[in-house]
């Protein structure tokens, strides 16, 4: 019987196999506010797992695209605000479903969620303003 080496299972293999990662991880890495090791520690990701993620073309592509967006648009603040908003959606949902939340607060939550989702009606710039007409007669 031949001696076959047994492949030992590691957490990095799990990440490589399932290709899953928190979407906020990409944003935190792209923003570069904290060093890479601090970000990985925050998400409980080992350097080996990070190396496995970097082998994932989808992860790398999303990271590069987000880094470009941050660099070109100076979008660091907006991206951080988006991350903050997304992390508090559950809190907003909990408050909306809590019967003790005052109606005015629920209205504010609803208005904020509608705005964040881009579902507000578009206001026309010239609403209520009279249009001026111009007539030109050419007599030949």
Protein backbone atom coordinates (compact mmCIF):
# COMPACT_ATOMS: atom_id res chain seq x y z
CA UNK A 1 0.00 0.00 0.00
CA UNK A 2 1.37 3.42 -0.94
CA UNK A 3 1.65 6.22 1.57
CA UNK A 4 -0.57 9.10 0.51
CA UNK A 5 -0.15 12.42 2.21
CA UNK A 6 -3.33 13.58 3.86
CA UNK A 7 -4.31 17.14 3.09
CA UNK A 8 -4.84 18.93 6.36
CA UNK A 9 -7.90 21.19 6.53
CA UNK A 10 -7.22 24.81 7.48
CA UNK A 11 -9.51 27.86 7.93
CA UNK A 12 -7.87 29.41 4.87
CA UNK A 13 -9.05 26.44 2.81
CA UNK A 14 -12.57 27.03 4.08
CA UNK A 15 -12.49 30.65 2.91
CA UNK A 16 -11.01 29.58 -0.41
CA UNK A 17 -13.66 26.91 -0.81
CA UNK A 18 -16.70 29.02 0.05
CA UNK A 19 -15.45 32.38 -1.25
CA UNK A 20 -17.40 34.29 1.36
CA UNK A 21 -16.32 37.43 3.13
CA UNK A 22 -18.05 40.36 4.82
CA UNK A 23 -18.72 43.10 2.24
CA UNK A 24 -17.58 45.72 4.75
CA UNK A 25 -14.11 44.12 4.70
CA UNK A 26 -13.49 45.41 1.18
CA UNK A 27 -14.55 48.92 2.14
CA UNK A 28 -12.38 48.98 5.25
CA UNK A 29 -9.35 47.77 3.30
CA UNK A 30 -9.97 50.22 0.44
CA UNK A 31 -10.37 53.22 2.72
CA UNK A 32 -6.97 52.54 4.23
CA UNK A 33 -7.90 54.30 7.46
CA UNK A 34 -6.45 51.42 9.48
CA UNK A 35 -3.52 49.21 8.55
CA UNK A 36 -4.35 45.85 6.95
CA UNK A 37 -3.53 43.80 10.05
CA UNK A 38 -5.87 45.89 12.22
CA UNK A 39 -8.68 45.43 9.70
CA UNK A 40 -8.09 41.68 9.53
CA UNK A 41 -8.06 41.47 13.31
CA UNK A 42 -11.38 43.35 13.47
CA UNK A 43 -12.97 40.75 11.18
CA UNK A 44 -11.21 37.83 12.88
CA UNK A 45 -9.36 36.94 9.68
CA UNK A 46 -5.89 35.45 9.83
CA UNK A 47 -3.13 36.49 7.43
CA UNK A 48 -3.44 33.03 5.84
CA UNK A 49 -7.16 33.55 5.28
CA UNK A 50 -6.41 36.97 3.80
CA UNK A 51 -3.91 35.38 1.42
CA UNK A 52 -6.60 32.91 0.38
CA UNK A 53 -9.04 35.77 -0.20
CA UNK A 54 -6.50 37.56 -2.35
CA UNK A 55 -6.48 34.48 -4.60
CA UNK A 56 -10.20 35.05 -5.19
CA UNK A 57 -10.53 37.12 -8.40
CA UNK A 58 -13.93 38.47 -7.35
CA UNK A 59 -12.56 39.72 -4.04
CA UNK A 60 -9.49 41.26 -5.70
CA UNK A 61 -11.62 42.91 -8.39
CA UNK A 62 -14.04 44.41 -5.88
CA UNK A 63 -11.15 45.64 -3.74
CA UNK A 64 -9.41 47.28 -6.72
CA UNK A 65 -12.65 48.86 -7.93
CA UNK A 66 -13.41 50.24 -4.47
CA UNK A 67 -9.84 51.55 -4.07
CA UNK A 68 -10.14 53.30 -7.46
CA UNK A 69 -13.48 54.80 -6.49
CA UNK A 70 -12.04 56.12 -3.24
CA UNK A 71 -9.02 57.59 -5.03
CA UNK A 72 -10.89 59.12 -7.99
CA UNK A 73 -13.97 60.45 -6.27
CA UNK A 74 -12.53 61.18 -2.87
CA UNK A 75 -15.43 59.05 -1.75
CA UNK A 76 -13.96 57.96 1.58
CA UNK A 77 -16.52 59.89 3.62
CA UNK A 78 -19.48 58.73 1.54
CA UNK A 79 -18.33 55.13 1.62
CA UNK A 80 -17.79 55.24 5.37
CA UNK A 81 -21.25 56.80 5.79
CA UNK A 82 -22.73 54.05 3.61
CA UNK A 83 -21.07 51.42 5.77
CA UNK A 84 -22.37 53.14 8.90
CA UNK A 85 -25.89 53.30 7.47
CA UNK A 86 -25.89 49.66 6.44
CA UNK A 87 -24.64 48.56 9.84
CA UNK A 88 -27.61 50.29 11.52
CA UNK A 89 -30.41 49.03 9.27
CA UNK A 90 -31.34 46.36 11.82
CA UNK A 91 -31.62 49.02 14.53
CA UNK A 92 -33.94 51.05 12.30
CA UNK A 93 -36.03 47.95 11.60
CA UNK A 94 -36.22 47.10 15.30
CA UNK A 95 -37.41 50.63 16.10
CA UNK A 96 -40.03 50.54 13.34
CA UNK A 97 -41.46 47.28 14.71
CA UNK A 98 -41.40 48.40 18.34
CA UNK A 99 -44.89 49.46 19.44
CA UNK A 100 -43.39 51.88 21.99
CA UNK A 101 -41.59 53.92 19.33
CA UNK A 102 -43.42 57.25 18.90
CA UNK A 103 -45.08 57.83 15.51
CA UNK A 104 -42.92 60.93 14.87
CA UNK A 105 -39.77 58.83 15.30
CA UNK A 106 -41.16 56.16 12.97
CA UNK A 107 -41.88 58.84 10.38
CA UNK A 108 -38.30 60.09 10.64
CA UNK A 109 -36.96 56.55 10.24
CA UNK A 110 -39.20 55.98 7.23
CA UNK A 111 -38.12 59.25 5.62
CA UNK A 112 -34.44 58.46 6.23
CA UNK A 113 -34.77 54.93 4.83
CA UNK A 114 -36.59 56.25 1.78
CA UNK A 115 -33.88 58.83 1.19
CA UNK A 116 -31.04 56.33 1.66
CA UNK A 117 -32.71 53.92 -0.75
CA UNK A 118 -33.04 56.65 -3.38
CA UNK A 119 -36.83 56.38 -3.41
CA UNK A 120 -37.65 60.03 -2.80
CA UNK A 121 -39.71 61.70 -5.51
CA UNK A 122 -37.64 63.91 -7.78
CA UNK A 123 -38.46 67.57 -7.33
CA UNK A 124 -38.58 69.61 -10.47
CA UNK A 125 -36.42 72.71 -10.40
CA UNK A 126 -39.00 75.03 -11.96
CA UNK A 127 -42.10 73.77 -10.18
CA UNK A 128 -44.59 76.58 -9.86
CA UNK A 129 -42.60 78.97 -12.03
CA UNK A 130 -44.22 80.41 -15.12
CA UNK A 131 -42.65 79.56 -18.42
CA UNK A 132 -41.82 82.51 -20.61
CA UNK A 133 -42.74 82.32 -24.24
CA UNK A 134 -41.16 84.12 -27.11
CA UNK A 135 -42.80 84.73 -30.45
CA UNK A 136 -41.08 85.85 -33.58
CA UNK A 137 -42.97 86.80 -36.71
CA UNK A 138 -41.20 87.08 -39.99
CA UNK A 139 -43.12 89.02 -42.63
CA UNK A 140 -41.89 88.57 -46.17
